[in-house]
Structure formats: C-alpha cells, structure tokens
Amino acid sequence: MKWYHYLACFFAGAFIANMVPHFIHGISGDSFPSPFSNPPGKGLSSPTVNVVWGLGNLVVGYILFKVGKVSHENKSALLVFFVGVLCLSIMSSIAFVDKAH
C-alpha cells in the first residue's frame, strides 16, 4: 500500500468517530456543538443540523475507508483506521467536556 492509503485509513477512522456524537445527539433531539454553530464548535446546533453533519461524516468516512483499502485481511490498514478512531475520540472527549449539557 502507498502512504496515502494509510492517510485515508486514519481519516476514515476520524470521520466515522466524529459521526457518532453528532448523529446520536441529533436523533435524540438534543442540541450539540457543530462547525455550523455560532461560534463554530462552541455554540449549539439544532438536532437536524447534527443529524445531517453526522451523516455527512459517515459518507466521507466510508469513502475514505474504501480508498484506504481497510479490511480484516489488511491488518496494518485496520490498525491505522482504529488509531484514527482513537485519536478523534480522545480529542472529542477533551473538547466537549461540559459543552453538551
């Protein structure tokens, strides 16, 4: 695999991890920070905006997943994918402390 496949794997994990909180808050009817809030990432966006943003992250993550050739046979790509999930998950857990309440 070329270097950019690994980059795609990493960002696939990041986008898919980012999809989770936005989608869950959105379908639960809760407001949550998004890039479209005022101020971006700090104010609250509507549940509908978060559902759309979450699904957009899922689509981009899926495309990058395919570009990165992530599969159970390709252990290195799978590892890089999960490192992307881990990094974005930890960053989100720090960034959104007390912002979702």
C-alpha atoms as a PDB file:
ATOM      1  CA  MET A   1       0.000   0.000   0.000  1.00  0.00           C
ATOM      2  CA  LYS A   2       1.078   3.550  -0.655  1.00  0.00           C
ATOM      3  CA  TRP A   3       1.388   6.177   2.108  1.00  0.00           C
ATOM      4  CA  TYR A   4      -1.821   7.930   1.088  1.00  0.00           C
ATOM      5  CA  HIS A   5      -3.816   4.746   1.664  1.00  0.00           C
ATOM      6  CA  TYR A   6      -2.738   4.867   5.304  1.00  0.00           C
ATOM      7  CA  LEU A   7      -3.661   8.538   5.480  1.00  0.00           C
ATOM      8  CA  ALA A   8      -7.106   7.630   4.117  1.00  0.00           C
ATOM      9  CA  CYS A   9      -7.395   4.856   6.738  1.00  0.00           C
ATOM     10  CA  PHE A  10      -6.579   7.265   9.564  1.00  0.00           C
ATOM     11  CA  PHE A  11      -9.046   9.913   8.435  1.00  0.00           C
ATOM     12  CA  ALA A  12     -11.716   7.283   7.761  1.00  0.00           C
ATOM     13  CA  GLY A  13     -11.489   6.381  11.438  1.00  0.00           C
ATOM     14  CA  ALA A  14     -11.572  10.037  12.459  1.00  0.00           C
ATOM     15  CA  PHE A  15     -14.631  10.876  10.345  1.00  0.00           C
ATOM     16  CA  ILE A  16     -16.535   7.803  11.448  1.00  0.00           C
ATOM     17  CA  ALA A  17     -15.748   8.519  15.112  1.00  0.00           C
ATOM     18  CA  ASN A  18     -16.889  12.127  14.627  1.00  0.00           C
ATOM     19  CA  MET A  19     -20.157  10.904  13.168  1.00  0.00           C
ATOM     20  CA  VAL A  20     -21.219   9.184  16.378  1.00  0.00           C
ATOM     21  CA  PRO A  21     -21.807  12.076  18.824  1.00  0.00           C
ATOM     22  CA  HIS A  22     -23.415  14.327  16.220  1.00  0.00           C
ATOM     23  CA  PHE A  23     -25.772  11.636  14.962  1.00  0.00           C
ATOM     24  CA  ILE A  24     -26.689  10.360  18.437  1.00  0.00           C
ATOM     25  CA  HIS A  25     -27.409  13.849  19.789  1.00  0.00           C
ATOM     26  CA  GLY A  26     -29.335  14.710  16.648  1.00  0.00           C
ATOM     27  CA  ILE A  27     -31.619  11.690  16.612  1.00  0.00           C
ATOM     28  CA  SER A  28     -32.151  12.126  20.357  1.00  0.00           C
ATOM     29  CA  GLY A  29     -33.439  15.649  19.778  1.00  0.00           C
ATOM     30  CA  ASP A  30     -30.547  17.293  21.624  1.00  0.00           C
ATOM     31  CA  SER A  31     -28.611  20.359  20.535  1.00  0.00           C
ATOM     32  CA  PHE A  32     -24.855  19.828  20.254  1.00  0.00           C
ATOM     33  CA  PRO A  33     -21.873  21.898  19.047  1.00  0.00           C
ATOM     34  CA  SER A  34     -21.021  21.633  15.359  1.00  0.00           C
ATOM     35  CA  PRO A  35     -18.958  23.604  12.846  1.00  0.00           C
ATOM     36  CA  PHE A  36     -22.191  25.387  11.872  1.00  0.00           C
ATOM     37  CA  SER A  37     -22.992  26.764  15.329  1.00  0.00           C
ATOM     38  CA  ASN A  38     -22.259  30.307  16.424  1.00  0.00           C
ATOM     39  CA  PRO A  39     -19.430  30.458  17.361  1.00  0.00           C
ATOM     40  CA  PRO A  40     -18.345  27.394  15.353  1.00  0.00           C
ATOM     41  CA  GLY A  41     -17.711  24.357  17.531  1.00  0.00           C
ATOM     42  CA  LYS A  42     -18.718  26.208  20.703  1.00  0.00           C
ATOM     43  CA  GLY A  43     -22.346  27.227  20.301  1.00  0.00           C
ATOM     44  CA  LEU A  44     -25.117  24.676  19.903  1.00  0.00           C
ATOM     45  CA  SER A  45     -26.559  23.485  16.606  1.00  0.00           C
ATOM     46  CA  SER A  46     -30.032  22.089  16.168  1.00  0.00           C
ATOM     47  CA  PRO A  47     -30.651  18.338  16.232  1.00  0.00           C
ATOM     48  CA  THR A  48     -31.390  18.386  12.486  1.00  0.00           C
ATOM     49  CA  VAL A  49     -28.067  20.066  11.694  1.00  0.00           C
ATOM     50  CA  ASN A  50     -26.298  17.446  13.809  1.00  0.00           C
ATOM     51  CA  VAL A  51     -28.044  14.544  12.059  1.00  0.00           C
ATOM     52  CA  VAL A  52     -27.040  15.930   8.658  1.00  0.00           C
ATOM     53  CA  TRP A  53     -23.481  16.667   9.856  1.00  0.00           C
ATOM     54  CA  GLY A  54     -23.207  13.172  11.340  1.00  0.00           C
ATOM     55  CA  LEU A  55     -24.415  11.510   8.140  1.00  0.00           C
ATOM     56  CA  GLY A  56     -22.016  13.670   6.111  1.00  0.00           C
ATOM     57  CA  ASN A  57     -19.158  12.439   8.291  1.00  0.00           C
ATOM     58  CA  LEU A  58     -20.333   8.860   7.752  1.00  0.00           C
ATOM     59  CA  VAL A  59     -20.334   9.275   3.960  1.00  0.00           C
ATOM     60  CA  VAL A  60     -16.854  10.843   3.896  1.00  0.00           C
ATOM     61  CA  GLY A  61     -15.583   8.207   6.361  1.00  0.00           C
ATOM     62  CA  TYR A  62     -16.978   5.405   4.224  1.00  0.00           C
ATOM     63  CA  ILE A  63     -15.375   6.772   1.066  1.00  0.00           C
ATOM     64  CA  LEU A  64     -12.015   7.086   2.845  1.00  0.00           C
ATOM     65  CA  PHE A  65     -12.498   3.573   4.273  1.00  0.00           C
ATOM     66  CA  LYS A  66     -12.784   2.215   0.728  1.00  0.00           C
ATOM     67  CA  VAL A  67      -9.898   4.360  -0.591  1.00  0.00           C
ATOM     68  CA  GLY A  68      -7.727   3.188   2.318  1.00  0.00           C
ATOM     69  CA  LYS A  69      -8.496  -0.454   1.481  1.00  0.00           C
ATOM     70  CA  VAL A  70      -9.396  -1.232   5.084  1.00  0.00           C
ATOM     71  CA  SER A  71     -10.284  -4.897   5.542  1.00  0.00           C
ATOM     72  CA  HIS A  72      -9.804  -7.698   8.039  1.00  0.00           C
ATOM     73  CA  GLU A  73      -7.068  -9.092   5.777  1.00  0.00           C
ATOM     74  CA  ASN A  74      -5.106  -5.840   5.774  1.00  0.00           C
ATOM     75  CA  LYS A  75      -4.061  -5.670   9.429  1.00  0.00           C
ATOM     76  CA  SER A  76      -1.903  -2.552   9.082  1.00  0.00           C
ATOM     77  CA  ALA A  77      -4.720  -0.590   7.415  1.00  0.00           C
ATOM     78  CA  LEU A  78      -7.138  -1.765  10.095  1.00  0.00           C
ATOM     79  CA  LEU A  79      -4.735  -0.687  12.836  1.00  0.00           C
ATOM     80  CA  VAL A  80      -4.305   2.785  11.305  1.00  0.00           C
ATOM     81  CA  PHE A  81      -8.100   3.052  10.963  1.00  0.00           C
ATOM     82  CA  PHE A  82      -8.552   2.317  14.677  1.00  0.00           C
ATOM     83  CA  VAL A  83      -5.782   4.770  15.572  1.00  0.00           C
ATOM     84  CA  GLY A  84      -7.840   7.403  13.740  1.00  0.00           C
ATOM     85  CA  VAL A  85     -10.921   6.397  15.754  1.00  0.00           C
ATOM     86  CA  LEU A  86      -8.899   6.536  18.976  1.00  0.00           C
ATOM     87  CA  CYS A  87      -7.335   9.940  18.265  1.00  0.00           C
ATOM     88  CA  LEU A  88     -10.599  11.660  17.338  1.00  0.00           C
ATOM     89  CA  SER A  89     -12.432  10.020  20.235  1.00  0.00           C
ATOM     90  CA  ILE A  90      -9.895  11.235  22.786  1.00  0.00           C
ATOM     91  CA  MET A  91      -9.777  14.725  21.258  1.00  0.00           C
ATOM     92  CA  SER A  92     -13.589  14.927  21.343  1.00  0.00           C
ATOM     93  CA  SER A  93     -13.777  13.731  24.925  1.00  0.00           C
ATOM     94  CA  ILE A  94     -11.479  16.612  25.906  1.00  0.00           C
ATOM     95  CA  ALA A  95     -13.025  19.259  23.640  1.00  0.00           C
ATOM     96  CA  PHE A  96     -16.658  18.607  24.561  1.00  0.00           C
ATOM     97  CA  VAL A  97     -16.340  18.403  28.348  1.00  0.00           C
ATOM     98  CA  ASP A  98     -19.425  20.187  29.741  1.00  0.00           C
ATOM     99  CA  LYS A  99     -20.420  21.557  26.306  1.00  0.00           C
ATOM    100  CA  ALA A 100     -23.184  19.075  25.636  1.00  0.00           C
ATOM    101  CA  HIS A 101     -25.123  19.897  28.815  1.00  0.00           C
END
